[in-house]
Amino acid sequence: MTLSFSAKIIVDAKDKTKAIFDSINTDNEFYPENPVKTKIDFDEKIVISAESEHLTHLRANLNSTLRLIQASHDSIESVKI
C-alpha cells in the first residue's frame, strides 16, 4: 500500500492576486517532470493543490511555491508608484 500526501493552499493577495497567479503558474506549466502533482487555479483567489507519494517532496514543492508567491508579491510592491 502506498501512502499519498496532499495539501491545499488558498492565497488572496487582493488586487495583486491575478498577477501573482500568472507569475507562478508559468513555472508550474513548464516543469512537467515534477514528482509532485501540482495544480494551480485562479478564481478570485489562487488555489494550489498538491499531491505526492513522498511527504518530503510535497513539503519541498510547497516551500518553493510559497517562496515564488512571496517573491512575486514583493516584486509588485517594490515598483509601486
N, C-alpha and C. Protein backbone atom coordinates (compact mmCIF):
# COMPACT_ATOMS: atom_id res chain seq x y z
N MET A 1 0.84 -1.18 0.00
CA MET A 1 0.00 0.00 0.00
C MET A 1 0.89 1.25 0.00
N THR A 2 0.57 2.18 -0.86
CA THR A 2 1.32 3.41 -0.96
C THR A 2 0.53 4.54 -0.31
N LEU A 3 1.18 5.26 0.60
CA LEU A 3 0.53 6.41 1.21
C LEU A 3 0.58 7.58 0.25
N SER A 4 -0.42 8.40 0.32
CA SER A 4 -0.46 9.60 -0.51
C SER A 4 -0.67 10.80 0.40
N PHE A 5 0.12 11.82 0.18
CA PHE A 5 0.02 13.05 0.96
C PHE A 5 -0.51 14.15 0.05
N SER A 6 -1.33 15.03 0.62
CA SER A 6 -1.86 16.13 -0.18
C SER A 6 -2.00 17.38 0.66
N ALA A 7 -2.05 18.51 -0.04
CA ALA A 7 -2.23 19.80 0.62
C ALA A 7 -2.98 20.73 -0.31
N LYS A 8 -3.72 21.64 0.28
CA LYS A 8 -4.44 22.65 -0.49
C LYS A 8 -4.20 23.99 0.20
N ILE A 9 -3.74 24.95 -0.58
CA ILE A 9 -3.45 26.29 -0.06
C ILE A 9 -4.23 27.30 -0.87
N ILE A 10 -4.86 28.24 -0.19
CA ILE A 10 -5.60 29.30 -0.86
C ILE A 10 -4.92 30.62 -0.52
N VAL A 11 -4.63 31.40 -1.57
CA VAL A 11 -3.93 32.68 -1.41
C VAL A 11 -4.81 33.79 -1.94
N ASP A 12 -5.00 34.82 -1.11
CA ASP A 12 -5.74 36.01 -1.53
C ASP A 12 -4.84 37.22 -1.30
N ALA A 13 -4.32 37.77 -2.37
CA ALA A 13 -3.44 38.93 -2.28
C ALA A 13 -4.14 40.19 -2.79
N LYS A 14 -5.44 40.20 -2.64
CA LYS A 14 -6.28 41.34 -3.04
C LYS A 14 -6.06 41.67 -4.52
N ASP A 15 -5.70 42.91 -4.82
CA ASP A 15 -5.57 43.35 -6.21
C ASP A 15 -4.34 42.77 -6.93
N LYS A 16 -3.46 42.11 -6.19
CA LYS A 16 -2.25 41.54 -6.79
C LYS A 16 -2.40 40.05 -7.13
N THR A 17 -3.52 39.46 -6.76
CA THR A 17 -3.70 38.01 -6.88
C THR A 17 -3.53 37.51 -8.30
N LYS A 18 -4.14 38.15 -9.28
CA LYS A 18 -4.07 37.69 -10.67
C LYS A 18 -2.64 37.77 -11.20
N ALA A 19 -1.94 38.85 -10.90
CA ALA A 19 -0.55 39.00 -11.36
C ALA A 19 0.34 37.93 -10.74
N ILE A 20 0.14 37.65 -9.48
CA ILE A 20 0.92 36.60 -8.81
C ILE A 20 0.60 35.24 -9.43
N PHE A 21 -0.67 34.98 -9.68
CA PHE A 21 -1.06 33.71 -10.31
C PHE A 21 -0.36 33.55 -11.65
N ASP A 22 -0.40 34.58 -12.49
CA ASP A 22 0.24 34.50 -13.81
C ASP A 22 1.73 34.19 -13.67
N SER A 23 2.35 34.75 -12.68
CA SER A 23 3.78 34.54 -12.46
C SER A 23 4.10 33.12 -12.03
N ILE A 24 3.40 32.60 -11.04
CA ILE A 24 3.73 31.27 -10.52
C ILE A 24 3.20 30.14 -11.38
N ASN A 25 2.11 30.36 -12.08
CA ASN A 25 1.54 29.31 -12.91
C ASN A 25 2.46 28.99 -14.09
N THR A 26 3.15 29.97 -14.60
CA THR A 26 4.09 29.75 -15.69
C THR A 26 5.16 28.73 -15.27
N ASP A 27 5.71 28.89 -14.07
CA ASP A 27 6.71 27.95 -13.57
C ASP A 27 6.13 26.55 -13.46
N ASN A 28 4.92 26.43 -13.01
CA ASN A 28 4.29 25.12 -12.85
C ASN A 28 4.06 24.45 -14.20
N GLU A 29 3.65 25.20 -15.20
CA GLU A 29 3.37 24.63 -16.53
C GLU A 29 4.62 24.11 -17.21
N PHE A 30 5.77 24.71 -16.94
CA PHE A 30 6.99 24.32 -17.62
C PHE A 30 7.88 23.41 -16.79
N TYR A 31 7.28 22.66 -15.88
CA TYR A 31 8.02 21.69 -15.08
C TYR A 31 7.21 20.39 -15.03
N PRO A 32 7.05 19.76 -16.21
CA PRO A 32 6.21 18.56 -16.28
C PRO A 32 6.80 17.35 -15.55
N GLU A 33 8.10 17.34 -15.31
CA GLU A 33 8.72 16.20 -14.63
C GLU A 33 8.64 16.33 -13.11
N ASN A 34 7.91 17.29 -12.61
CA ASN A 34 7.73 17.50 -11.18
C ASN A 34 7.19 16.22 -10.53
N PRO A 35 7.88 15.71 -9.50
CA PRO A 35 7.40 14.48 -8.84
C PRO A 35 6.15 14.70 -7.99
N VAL A 36 5.76 15.96 -7.81
CA VAL A 36 4.56 16.29 -7.06
C VAL A 36 3.49 16.74 -8.05
N LYS A 37 2.34 16.10 -7.99
CA LYS A 37 1.23 16.50 -8.86
C LYS A 37 0.68 17.82 -8.30
N THR A 38 0.94 18.90 -9.03
CA THR A 38 0.57 20.22 -8.56
C THR A 38 -0.38 20.88 -9.54
N LYS A 39 -1.48 21.41 -9.02
CA LYS A 39 -2.46 22.12 -9.83
C LYS A 39 -2.65 23.49 -9.21
N ILE A 40 -2.55 24.53 -10.06
CA ILE A 40 -2.74 25.89 -9.59
C ILE A 40 -3.88 26.50 -10.39
N ASP A 41 -4.92 26.92 -9.68
CA ASP A 41 -6.10 27.51 -10.31
C ASP A 41 -6.31 28.93 -9.81
N PHE A 42 -7.07 29.70 -10.60
CA PHE A 42 -7.41 31.06 -10.21
C PHE A 42 -8.91 31.26 -10.34
N ASP A 43 -9.52 31.67 -9.23
CA ASP A 43 -10.93 32.04 -9.22
C ASP A 43 -11.10 33.09 -8.12
N GLU A 44 -10.70 34.31 -8.42
CA GLU A 44 -10.64 35.41 -7.46
C GLU A 44 -9.54 35.21 -6.41
N LYS A 45 -9.15 33.97 -6.17
CA LYS A 45 -8.05 33.63 -5.28
C LYS A 45 -7.21 32.56 -5.96
N ILE A 46 -5.98 32.41 -5.52
CA ILE A 46 -5.12 31.35 -6.04
C ILE A 46 -5.37 30.10 -5.20
N VAL A 47 -5.64 28.99 -5.88
CA VAL A 47 -5.84 27.72 -5.19
C VAL A 47 -4.76 26.75 -5.66
N ILE A 48 -3.93 26.33 -4.74
CA ILE A 48 -2.84 25.41 -5.03
C ILE A 48 -3.17 24.07 -4.41
N SER A 49 -3.25 23.04 -5.24
CA SER A 49 -3.49 21.68 -4.77
C SER A 49 -2.28 20.84 -5.15
N ALA A 50 -1.74 20.14 -4.18
CA ALA A 50 -0.54 19.32 -4.44
C ALA A 50 -0.71 17.95 -3.82
N GLU A 51 -0.18 16.94 -4.51
CA GLU A 51 -0.27 15.56 -4.03
C GLU A 51 1.01 14.83 -4.39
N SER A 52 1.47 14.01 -3.46
CA SER A 52 2.71 13.25 -3.68
C SER A 52 2.69 11.98 -2.84
N GLU A 53 3.45 11.01 -3.29
CA GLU A 53 3.62 9.79 -2.51
C GLU A 53 4.67 9.97 -1.42
N HIS A 54 5.44 11.06 -1.50
CA HIS A 54 6.52 11.31 -0.55
C HIS A 54 6.30 12.65 0.14
N LEU A 55 6.23 12.62 1.43
CA LEU A 55 5.99 13.83 2.21
C LEU A 55 7.09 14.87 2.00
N THR A 56 8.34 14.42 1.90
CA THR A 56 9.44 15.37 1.70
C THR A 56 9.32 16.10 0.36
N HIS A 57 8.88 15.41 -0.68
CA HIS A 57 8.68 16.06 -1.98
C HIS A 57 7.56 17.09 -1.90
N LEU A 58 6.48 16.73 -1.21
CA LEU A 58 5.35 17.66 -1.05
C LEU A 58 5.79 18.91 -0.31
N ARG A 59 6.52 18.73 0.78
CA ARG A 59 7.00 19.87 1.56
C ARG A 59 7.91 20.77 0.74
N ALA A 60 8.83 20.19 0.01
CA ALA A 60 9.75 20.98 -0.81
C ALA A 60 9.00 21.75 -1.89
N ASN A 61 8.03 21.09 -2.52
CA ASN A 61 7.25 21.74 -3.57
C ASN A 61 6.46 22.92 -3.01
N LEU A 62 5.82 22.72 -1.86
CA LEU A 62 5.04 23.80 -1.25
C LEU A 62 5.94 24.96 -0.80
N ASN A 63 7.09 24.63 -0.24
CA ASN A 63 8.03 25.69 0.15
C ASN A 63 8.45 26.52 -1.06
N SER A 64 8.77 25.86 -2.15
CA SER A 64 9.18 26.58 -3.37
C SER A 64 8.05 27.44 -3.91
N THR A 65 6.85 26.88 -3.94
CA THR A 65 5.70 27.63 -4.46
C THR A 65 5.40 28.84 -3.59
N LEU A 66 5.44 28.67 -2.29
CA LEU A 66 5.17 29.79 -1.39
C LEU A 66 6.26 30.86 -1.48
N ARG A 67 7.50 30.45 -1.70
CA ARG A 67 8.58 31.43 -1.89
C ARG A 67 8.38 32.20 -3.20
N LEU A 68 7.93 31.51 -4.24
CA LEU A 68 7.64 32.20 -5.50
C LEU A 68 6.51 33.21 -5.33
N ILE A 69 5.50 32.84 -4.58
CA ILE A 69 4.39 33.77 -4.31
C ILE A 69 4.91 34.99 -3.57
N GLN A 70 5.72 34.77 -2.54
CA GLN A 70 6.27 35.89 -1.77
C GLN A 70 7.16 36.77 -2.64
N ALA A 71 7.99 36.17 -3.49
CA ALA A 71 8.87 36.94 -4.37
C ALA A 71 8.05 37.75 -5.37
N SER A 72 6.99 37.17 -5.91
CA SER A 72 6.13 37.89 -6.85
C SER A 72 5.46 39.06 -6.16
N HIS A 73 4.95 38.83 -4.97
CA HIS A 73 4.29 39.89 -4.21
C HIS A 73 5.28 41.02 -3.90
N ASP A 74 6.47 40.64 -3.43
CA ASP A 74 7.49 41.64 -3.09
C ASP A 74 7.92 42.45 -4.32
N SER A 75 8.02 41.79 -5.47
CA SER A 75 8.39 42.50 -6.71
C SER A 75 7.34 43.51 -7.10
N ILE A 76 6.09 43.12 -6.99
CA ILE A 76 4.99 44.04 -7.31
C ILE A 76 5.01 45.23 -6.34
N GLU A 77 5.20 44.96 -5.07
CA GLU A 77 5.24 46.01 -4.06
C GLU A 77 6.41 46.97 -4.29
N SER A 78 7.53 46.47 -4.78
CA SER A 78 8.73 47.29 -4.93
C SER A 78 8.61 48.32 -6.06
N VAL A 79 7.69 48.12 -6.97
CA VAL A 79 7.53 49.06 -8.09
C VAL A 79 6.27 49.92 -7.95
N LYS A 80 5.72 49.97 -6.75
CA LYS A 80 4.54 50.82 -6.52
C LYS A 80 4.88 52.28 -6.82
N ILE A 81 3.97 52.92 -7.50
CA ILE A 81 4.18 54.34 -7.85
C ILE A 81 3.24 55.20 -7.03
